[in-house]
Amino acid sequence: MGIFLRPKEVLLVVAAVCGMATPCMASSSNGYGHISAVTAVSNGGLTFNHSGSVSRPGLPACASGSPGGWAIDASTPQGNVQLHTLLWAVEKGKRISVAGTGTCSIASDTETVASFTVEDRPPVPTSMVPAPAP
């Protein structure tokens, strides 16, 4: 038996960790939405707006000034993965669904991202893709 867990075991581990953490996820977007207004901030962070987040449940008080906004700490390895995945999603025109930490640790008025999921949509038919510039 290897060290790899089966999907059900992974869910149990995640549930156990979330049960010990406070909070595991504080708020989340209302489904998938488009990314806009990506801004780099001076402390190594990144903020962006998400069209599906304007009236999200569980919004922490610190983020009431930016209810559609989210922040990523790009100065950490985990945040760097989120940053690159987010920029890839923007480039590909993908929508994302976001879950937050319940804190505003990167930008004082914007909830920090815990995780996000990129929508899995079929690729655009090649007939609709513009030809490359000469």
N, C-alpha and C. Protein backbone atom coordinates (compact mmCIF):
# COMPACT_ATOMS: atom_id res chain seq x y z
N MET A 1 0.85 -1.18 0.00
CA MET A 1 0.00 0.00 0.00
C MET A 1 0.89 1.24 0.00
N GLY A 2 0.62 2.16 -0.90
CA GLY A 2 1.42 3.37 -1.03
C GLY A 2 0.91 4.47 -0.11
N ILE A 3 1.53 5.61 -0.23
CA ILE A 3 1.14 6.75 0.60
C ILE A 3 0.03 7.58 -0.03
N PHE A 4 -0.41 7.19 -1.22
CA PHE A 4 -1.44 7.95 -1.91
C PHE A 4 -2.81 7.59 -1.36
N LEU A 5 -3.65 8.59 -1.24
CA LEU A 5 -4.99 8.38 -0.69
C LEU A 5 -6.01 8.26 -1.82
N ARG A 6 -7.04 7.48 -1.57
CA ARG A 6 -8.15 7.40 -2.51
C ARG A 6 -9.02 8.64 -2.34
N PRO A 7 -9.84 8.99 -3.36
CA PRO A 7 -10.65 10.21 -3.29
C PRO A 7 -11.48 10.35 -2.01
N LYS A 8 -12.09 9.26 -1.54
CA LYS A 8 -12.89 9.34 -0.31
C LYS A 8 -12.01 9.65 0.90
N GLU A 9 -10.80 9.10 0.92
CA GLU A 9 -9.88 9.38 2.03
C GLU A 9 -9.44 10.83 2.01
N VAL A 10 -9.21 11.38 0.82
CA VAL A 10 -8.82 12.79 0.69
C VAL A 10 -9.92 13.68 1.25
N LEU A 11 -11.17 13.37 0.91
CA LEU A 11 -12.29 14.17 1.42
C LEU A 11 -12.36 14.11 2.94
N LEU A 12 -12.10 12.95 3.53
CA LEU A 12 -12.13 12.83 4.98
C LEU A 12 -11.01 13.67 5.61
N VAL A 13 -9.83 13.65 5.00
CA VAL A 13 -8.71 14.45 5.52
C VAL A 13 -9.04 15.93 5.43
N VAL A 14 -9.58 16.36 4.29
CA VAL A 14 -9.95 17.77 4.11
C VAL A 14 -11.01 18.16 5.13
N ALA A 15 -12.00 17.32 5.32
CA ALA A 15 -13.05 17.62 6.30
C ALA A 15 -12.49 17.73 7.70
N ALA A 16 -11.55 16.86 8.04
CA ALA A 16 -10.94 16.91 9.37
C ALA A 16 -10.13 18.18 9.55
N VAL A 17 -9.35 18.55 8.55
CA VAL A 17 -8.55 19.77 8.64
C VAL A 17 -9.45 20.99 8.73
N CYS A 18 -10.50 21.03 7.93
CA CYS A 18 -11.43 22.16 7.96
C CYS A 18 -12.15 22.24 9.30
N GLY A 19 -12.41 21.10 9.89
CA GLY A 19 -13.07 21.10 11.19
C GLY A 19 -12.19 21.68 12.28
N MET A 20 -10.86 21.58 12.13
CA MET A 20 -9.94 22.12 13.12
C MET A 20 -9.59 23.58 12.85
N ALA A 21 -9.67 24.01 11.61
CA ALA A 21 -9.29 25.38 11.26
C ALA A 21 -10.45 26.33 11.50
N THR A 22 -10.13 27.57 11.79
CA THR A 22 -11.17 28.56 11.99
C THR A 22 -10.85 29.79 11.20
N PRO A 23 -11.60 30.15 10.20
CA PRO A 23 -12.59 29.36 9.47
C PRO A 23 -11.93 28.62 8.32
N CYS A 24 -12.60 27.57 7.81
CA CYS A 24 -12.06 26.85 6.65
C CYS A 24 -12.34 27.66 5.39
N MET A 25 -13.56 28.06 5.20
CA MET A 25 -13.93 28.97 4.13
C MET A 25 -14.92 29.95 4.71
N ALA A 26 -14.68 31.22 4.53
CA ALA A 26 -15.57 32.20 5.12
C ALA A 26 -16.66 32.63 4.16
N SER A 27 -16.30 32.92 2.94
CA SER A 27 -17.31 33.29 1.96
C SER A 27 -16.95 32.64 0.64
N SER A 28 -17.87 32.68 -0.27
CA SER A 28 -17.61 32.13 -1.59
C SER A 28 -18.40 32.92 -2.61
N SER A 29 -17.96 32.83 -3.86
CA SER A 29 -18.67 33.51 -4.92
C SER A 29 -20.00 32.81 -5.17
N ASN A 30 -20.88 33.50 -5.83
CA ASN A 30 -22.17 32.90 -6.19
C ASN A 30 -22.04 32.22 -7.55
N GLY A 31 -21.20 31.21 -7.63
CA GLY A 31 -20.99 30.50 -8.88
C GLY A 31 -19.81 31.06 -9.65
N TYR A 32 -19.75 30.68 -10.90
CA TYR A 32 -18.65 31.09 -11.75
C TYR A 32 -18.86 32.50 -12.28
N GLY A 33 -17.78 33.25 -12.37
CA GLY A 33 -17.85 34.61 -12.89
C GLY A 33 -16.57 34.99 -13.59
N HIS A 34 -16.62 36.12 -14.28
CA HIS A 34 -15.47 36.61 -15.02
C HIS A 34 -14.54 37.42 -14.13
N ILE A 35 -13.28 37.43 -14.47
CA ILE A 35 -12.23 38.14 -13.73
C ILE A 35 -12.00 39.49 -14.40
N SER A 36 -11.88 40.54 -13.59
CA SER A 36 -11.57 41.86 -14.14
C SER A 36 -10.75 42.65 -13.13
N ALA A 37 -10.22 43.77 -13.57
CA ALA A 37 -9.49 44.73 -12.73
C ALA A 37 -8.39 44.06 -11.90
N VAL A 38 -7.53 43.30 -12.57
CA VAL A 38 -6.41 42.66 -11.88
C VAL A 38 -5.37 43.74 -11.58
N THR A 39 -4.99 43.87 -10.28
CA THR A 39 -4.07 44.92 -9.85
C THR A 39 -3.00 44.33 -8.94
N ALA A 40 -1.74 44.62 -9.23
CA ALA A 40 -0.64 44.22 -8.35
C ALA A 40 -0.53 45.26 -7.24
N VAL A 41 -0.37 44.82 -6.00
CA VAL A 41 -0.23 45.74 -4.87
C VAL A 41 1.17 45.63 -4.29
N SER A 42 1.58 46.65 -3.56
CA SER A 42 2.98 46.80 -3.14
C SER A 42 3.50 45.71 -2.20
N ASN A 43 2.66 45.01 -1.49
CA ASN A 43 3.13 44.00 -0.53
C ASN A 43 3.28 42.61 -1.14
N GLY A 44 3.35 42.52 -2.46
CA GLY A 44 3.49 41.22 -3.11
C GLY A 44 2.16 40.56 -3.37
N GLY A 45 1.10 41.29 -3.21
CA GLY A 45 -0.23 40.73 -3.43
C GLY A 45 -0.81 41.13 -4.77
N LEU A 46 -1.98 40.62 -5.03
CA LEU A 46 -2.70 40.88 -6.25
C LEU A 46 -4.17 40.95 -5.90
N THR A 47 -4.88 41.96 -6.38
CA THR A 47 -6.32 42.01 -6.17
C THR A 47 -7.01 41.90 -7.52
N PHE A 48 -8.23 41.40 -7.50
CA PHE A 48 -9.03 41.31 -8.72
C PHE A 48 -10.50 41.33 -8.35
N ASN A 49 -11.32 41.70 -9.32
CA ASN A 49 -12.76 41.66 -9.14
C ASN A 49 -13.30 40.42 -9.83
N HIS A 50 -14.42 39.94 -9.31
CA HIS A 50 -15.04 38.71 -9.80
C HIS A 50 -16.52 38.98 -9.96
N SER A 51 -17.04 38.82 -11.17
CA SER A 51 -18.43 39.20 -11.46
C SER A 51 -19.45 38.40 -10.67
N GLY A 52 -19.12 37.22 -10.18
CA GLY A 52 -20.07 36.40 -9.42
C GLY A 52 -20.00 36.62 -7.92
N SER A 53 -19.25 37.63 -7.47
CA SER A 53 -19.00 37.80 -6.04
C SER A 53 -19.64 39.02 -5.40
N VAL A 54 -20.38 39.81 -6.14
CA VAL A 54 -20.86 41.08 -5.61
C VAL A 54 -21.76 40.90 -4.39
N SER A 55 -22.62 39.91 -4.37
CA SER A 55 -23.48 39.68 -3.20
C SER A 55 -23.25 38.27 -2.66
N ARG A 56 -22.03 38.02 -2.23
CA ARG A 56 -21.68 36.66 -1.80
C ARG A 56 -22.03 36.43 -0.33
N PRO A 57 -22.42 35.20 0.00
CA PRO A 57 -22.74 34.86 1.38
C PRO A 57 -21.48 34.78 2.23
N GLY A 58 -21.57 35.18 3.49
CA GLY A 58 -20.46 35.06 4.42
C GLY A 58 -19.39 36.11 4.28
N LEU A 59 -19.68 37.22 3.61
CA LEU A 59 -18.68 38.27 3.40
C LEU A 59 -18.20 38.80 4.75
N PRO A 60 -16.87 38.75 5.01
CA PRO A 60 -16.38 39.28 6.29
C PRO A 60 -16.51 40.80 6.35
N ALA A 61 -16.65 41.33 7.54
CA ALA A 61 -16.84 42.78 7.72
C ALA A 61 -15.69 43.58 7.11
N CYS A 62 -14.47 43.05 7.16
CA CYS A 62 -13.32 43.78 6.62
C CYS A 62 -13.43 43.98 5.11
N ALA A 63 -14.20 43.16 4.41
CA ALA A 63 -14.30 43.24 2.96
C ALA A 63 -15.56 43.95 2.48
N SER A 64 -16.30 44.58 3.39
CA SER A 64 -17.57 45.21 2.99
C SER A 64 -17.36 46.36 2.01
N GLY A 65 -16.17 46.95 1.98
CA GLY A 65 -15.89 48.03 1.04
C GLY A 65 -15.59 47.54 -0.36
N SER A 66 -15.35 46.25 -0.51
CA SER A 66 -15.01 45.66 -1.81
C SER A 66 -15.68 44.30 -1.95
N PRO A 67 -17.03 44.27 -2.00
CA PRO A 67 -17.74 42.99 -1.99
C PRO A 67 -17.50 42.11 -3.21
N GLY A 68 -17.05 42.67 -4.32
CA GLY A 68 -16.78 41.86 -5.50
C GLY A 68 -15.31 41.55 -5.67
N GLY A 69 -14.50 41.98 -4.69
CA GLY A 69 -13.05 41.85 -4.83
C GLY A 69 -12.45 40.70 -4.04
N TRP A 70 -11.29 40.27 -4.48
CA TRP A 70 -10.53 39.20 -3.85
C TRP A 70 -9.06 39.56 -3.90
N ALA A 71 -8.25 38.99 -3.00
CA ALA A 71 -6.81 39.24 -2.98
C ALA A 71 -6.04 37.93 -2.87
N ILE A 72 -4.88 37.90 -3.53
CA ILE A 72 -3.98 36.74 -3.50
C ILE A 72 -2.63 37.21 -3.00
N ASP A 73 -1.99 36.42 -2.12
CA ASP A 73 -0.64 36.72 -1.64
C ASP A 73 0.36 36.06 -2.58
N ALA A 74 0.80 36.80 -3.60
CA ALA A 74 1.69 36.24 -4.62
C ALA A 74 3.13 36.10 -4.12
N SER A 75 3.41 36.52 -2.89
CA SER A 75 4.76 36.40 -2.35
C SER A 75 5.04 35.02 -1.75
N THR A 76 4.03 34.17 -1.66
CA THR A 76 4.20 32.82 -1.13
C THR A 76 4.16 31.81 -2.29
N PRO A 77 4.72 30.62 -2.11
CA PRO A 77 4.64 29.62 -3.18
C PRO A 77 3.19 29.27 -3.54
N GLN A 78 2.33 29.14 -2.54
CA GLN A 78 0.93 28.82 -2.80
C GLN A 78 0.24 29.95 -3.57
N GLY A 79 0.50 31.18 -3.14
CA GLY A 79 -0.07 32.34 -3.82
C GLY A 79 0.45 32.49 -5.23
N ASN A 80 1.70 32.11 -5.45
CA ASN A 80 2.28 32.19 -6.78
C ASN A 80 1.58 31.22 -7.73
N VAL A 81 1.22 30.04 -7.23
CA VAL A 81 0.46 29.08 -8.04
C VAL A 81 -0.91 29.68 -8.35
N GLN A 82 -1.57 30.28 -7.35
CA GLN A 82 -2.87 30.91 -7.59
C GLN A 82 -2.74 32.02 -8.63
N LEU A 83 -1.70 32.86 -8.50
CA LEU A 83 -1.47 33.95 -9.45
C LEU A 83 -1.35 33.44 -10.87
N HIS A 84 -0.50 32.45 -11.09
CA HIS A 84 -0.29 31.94 -12.44
C HIS A 84 -1.55 31.26 -12.99
N THR A 85 -2.27 30.57 -12.14
CA THR A 85 -3.51 29.93 -12.58
C THR A 85 -4.55 30.98 -12.93
N LEU A 86 -4.64 32.04 -12.12
CA LEU A 86 -5.57 33.13 -12.39
C LEU A 86 -5.25 33.81 -13.71
N LEU A 87 -3.97 34.12 -13.94
CA LEU A 87 -3.58 34.77 -15.19
C LEU A 87 -3.83 33.86 -16.39
N TRP A 88 -3.63 32.55 -16.22
CA TRP A 88 -3.94 31.60 -17.29
C TRP A 88 -5.44 31.64 -17.59
N ALA A 89 -6.26 31.67 -16.54
CA ALA A 89 -7.72 31.71 -16.72
C ALA A 89 -8.14 32.99 -17.45
N VAL A 90 -7.51 34.12 -17.11
CA VAL A 90 -7.81 35.38 -17.80
C VAL A 90 -7.44 35.25 -19.28
N GLU A 91 -6.24 34.74 -19.54
CA GLU A 91 -5.76 34.60 -20.92
C GLU A 91 -6.68 33.72 -21.76
N LYS A 92 -7.20 32.65 -21.16
CA LYS A 92 -8.04 31.69 -21.88
C LYS A 92 -9.52 32.08 -21.86
N GLY A 93 -9.87 33.18 -21.19
CA GLY A 93 -11.27 33.60 -21.13
C GLY A 93 -12.13 32.70 -20.25
N LYS A 94 -11.50 32.01 -19.30
CA LYS A 94 -12.23 31.09 -18.42
C LYS A 94 -12.88 31.87 -17.28
N ARG A 95 -13.93 31.31 -16.71
CA ARG A 95 -14.55 31.86 -15.52
C ARG A 95 -14.09 31.05 -14.32
N ILE A 96 -14.15 31.67 -13.13
CA ILE A 96 -13.72 30.98 -11.92
C ILE A 96 -14.79 31.10 -10.84
N SER A 97 -14.73 30.20 -9.88
CA SER A 97 -15.53 30.24 -8.67
C SER A 97 -14.54 30.34 -7.51
N VAL A 98 -14.77 31.27 -6.58
CA VAL A 98 -13.79 31.59 -5.55
C VAL A 98 -14.30 31.26 -4.15
N ALA A 99 -13.40 30.81 -3.27
CA ALA A 99 -13.69 30.62 -1.84
C ALA A 99 -12.66 31.43 -1.06
N GLY A 100 -13.11 32.08 0.01
CA GLY A 100 -12.22 32.96 0.77
C GLY A 100 -11.79 32.41 2.11
N THR A 101 -10.85 33.14 2.73
CA THR A 101 -10.32 32.76 4.04
C THR A 101 -11.08 33.39 5.20
N GLY A 102 -11.86 34.43 4.92
CA GLY A 102 -12.55 35.14 5.99
C GLY A 102 -11.70 36.25 6.58
N THR A 103 -10.53 36.50 5.99
CA THR A 103 -9.64 37.56 6.46
C THR A 103 -9.30 38.50 5.30
N CYS A 104 -8.78 39.66 5.65
CA CYS A 104 -8.33 40.64 4.66
C CYS A 104 -6.85 40.89 4.91
N SER A 105 -6.04 39.84 4.79
CA SER A 105 -4.63 39.92 5.17
C SER A 105 -3.73 40.53 4.09
N ILE A 106 -4.17 40.60 2.86
CA ILE A 106 -3.37 41.16 1.77
C ILE A 106 -3.74 42.61 1.52
N ALA A 107 -5.01 42.87 1.36
CA ALA A 107 -5.54 44.22 1.19
C ALA A 107 -6.58 44.43 2.28
N SER A 108 -6.50 45.54 2.99
CA SER A 108 -7.32 45.72 4.19
C SER A 108 -8.82 45.73 3.95
N ASP A 109 -9.26 45.93 2.70
CA ASP A 109 -10.70 45.95 2.41
C ASP A 109 -11.13 44.85 1.44
N THR A 110 -10.28 43.84 1.25
CA THR A 110 -10.54 42.80 0.26
C THR A 110 -10.23 41.43 0.85
N GLU A 111 -11.19 40.50 0.77
CA GLU A 111 -10.99 39.16 1.34
C GLU A 111 -9.90 38.39 0.60
N THR A 112 -9.09 37.68 1.35
CA THR A 112 -8.01 36.87 0.79
C THR A 112 -8.57 35.56 0.25
N VAL A 113 -8.06 35.14 -0.90
CA VAL A 113 -8.50 33.91 -1.56
C VAL A 113 -7.94 32.69 -0.83
N ALA A 114 -8.80 31.73 -0.53
CA ALA A 114 -8.36 30.43 -0.01
C ALA A 114 -8.11 29.49 -1.20
N SER A 115 -9.05 29.49 -2.14
CA SER A 115 -8.93 28.66 -3.33
C SER A 115 -9.90 29.16 -4.39
N PHE A 116 -9.68 28.71 -5.60
CA PHE A 116 -10.65 28.96 -6.65
C PHE A 116 -10.62 27.81 -7.64
N THR A 117 -11.73 27.65 -8.35
CA THR A 117 -11.88 26.59 -9.33
C THR A 117 -12.09 27.22 -10.69
N VAL A 118 -11.35 26.76 -11.67
CA VAL A 118 -11.51 27.25 -13.04
C VAL A 118 -12.59 26.41 -13.71
N GLU A 119 -13.52 27.09 -14.35
CA GLU A 119 -14.62 26.40 -15.02
C GLU A 119 -14.10 25.54 -16.16
N ASP A 120 -14.60 24.33 -16.24
CA ASP A 120 -14.22 23.41 -17.29
C ASP A 120 -15.25 23.52 -18.41
N ARG A 121 -14.89 24.30 -19.42
CA ARG A 121 -15.79 24.47 -20.57
C ARG A 121 -15.12 23.84 -21.79
N PRO A 122 -15.93 23.43 -22.77
CA PRO A 122 -15.33 22.89 -23.98
C PRO A 122 -14.50 23.98 -24.68
N PRO A 123 -13.45 23.58 -25.41
CA PRO A 123 -12.65 24.57 -26.11
C PRO A 123 -13.45 25.28 -27.20
N VAL A 124 -13.04 26.50 -27.52
CA VAL A 124 -13.68 27.27 -28.58
C VAL A 124 -13.34 26.61 -29.91
N PRO A 125 -14.34 26.41 -30.80
CA PRO A 125 -14.04 25.81 -32.11
C PRO A 125 -12.98 26.64 -32.84
N THR A 126 -12.08 25.96 -33.56
CA THR A 126 -11.00 26.67 -34.25
C THR A 126 -11.51 27.65 -35.29
N SER A 127 -12.71 27.42 -35.81
CA SER A 127 -13.27 28.35 -36.80
C SER A 127 -13.60 29.70 -36.17
N MET A 128 -13.72 29.75 -34.83
CA MET A 128 -14.04 31.00 -34.14
C MET A 128 -12.81 31.69 -33.57
N VAL A 129 -11.65 31.04 -33.65
CA VAL A 129 -10.42 31.62 -33.13
C VAL A 129 -9.82 32.53 -34.21
N PRO A 130 -9.51 33.80 -33.86
CA PRO A 130 -8.96 34.69 -34.88
C PRO A 130 -7.59 34.21 -35.35
N ALA A 131 -7.31 34.49 -36.60
CA ALA A 131 -6.01 34.10 -37.19
C ALA A 131 -4.91 34.94 -36.56
N PRO A 132 -3.71 34.36 -36.40
CA PRO A 132 -2.60 35.14 -35.80
C PRO A 132 -2.22 36.30 -36.71
N ALA A 133 -1.75 37.37 -36.08
CA ALA A 133 -1.32 38.55 -36.84
C ALA A 133 -0.04 38.22 -37.62
N PRO A 134 0.11 38.78 -38.83
CA PRO A 134 1.32 38.48 -39.63
C PRO A 134 2.57 39.05 -39.02
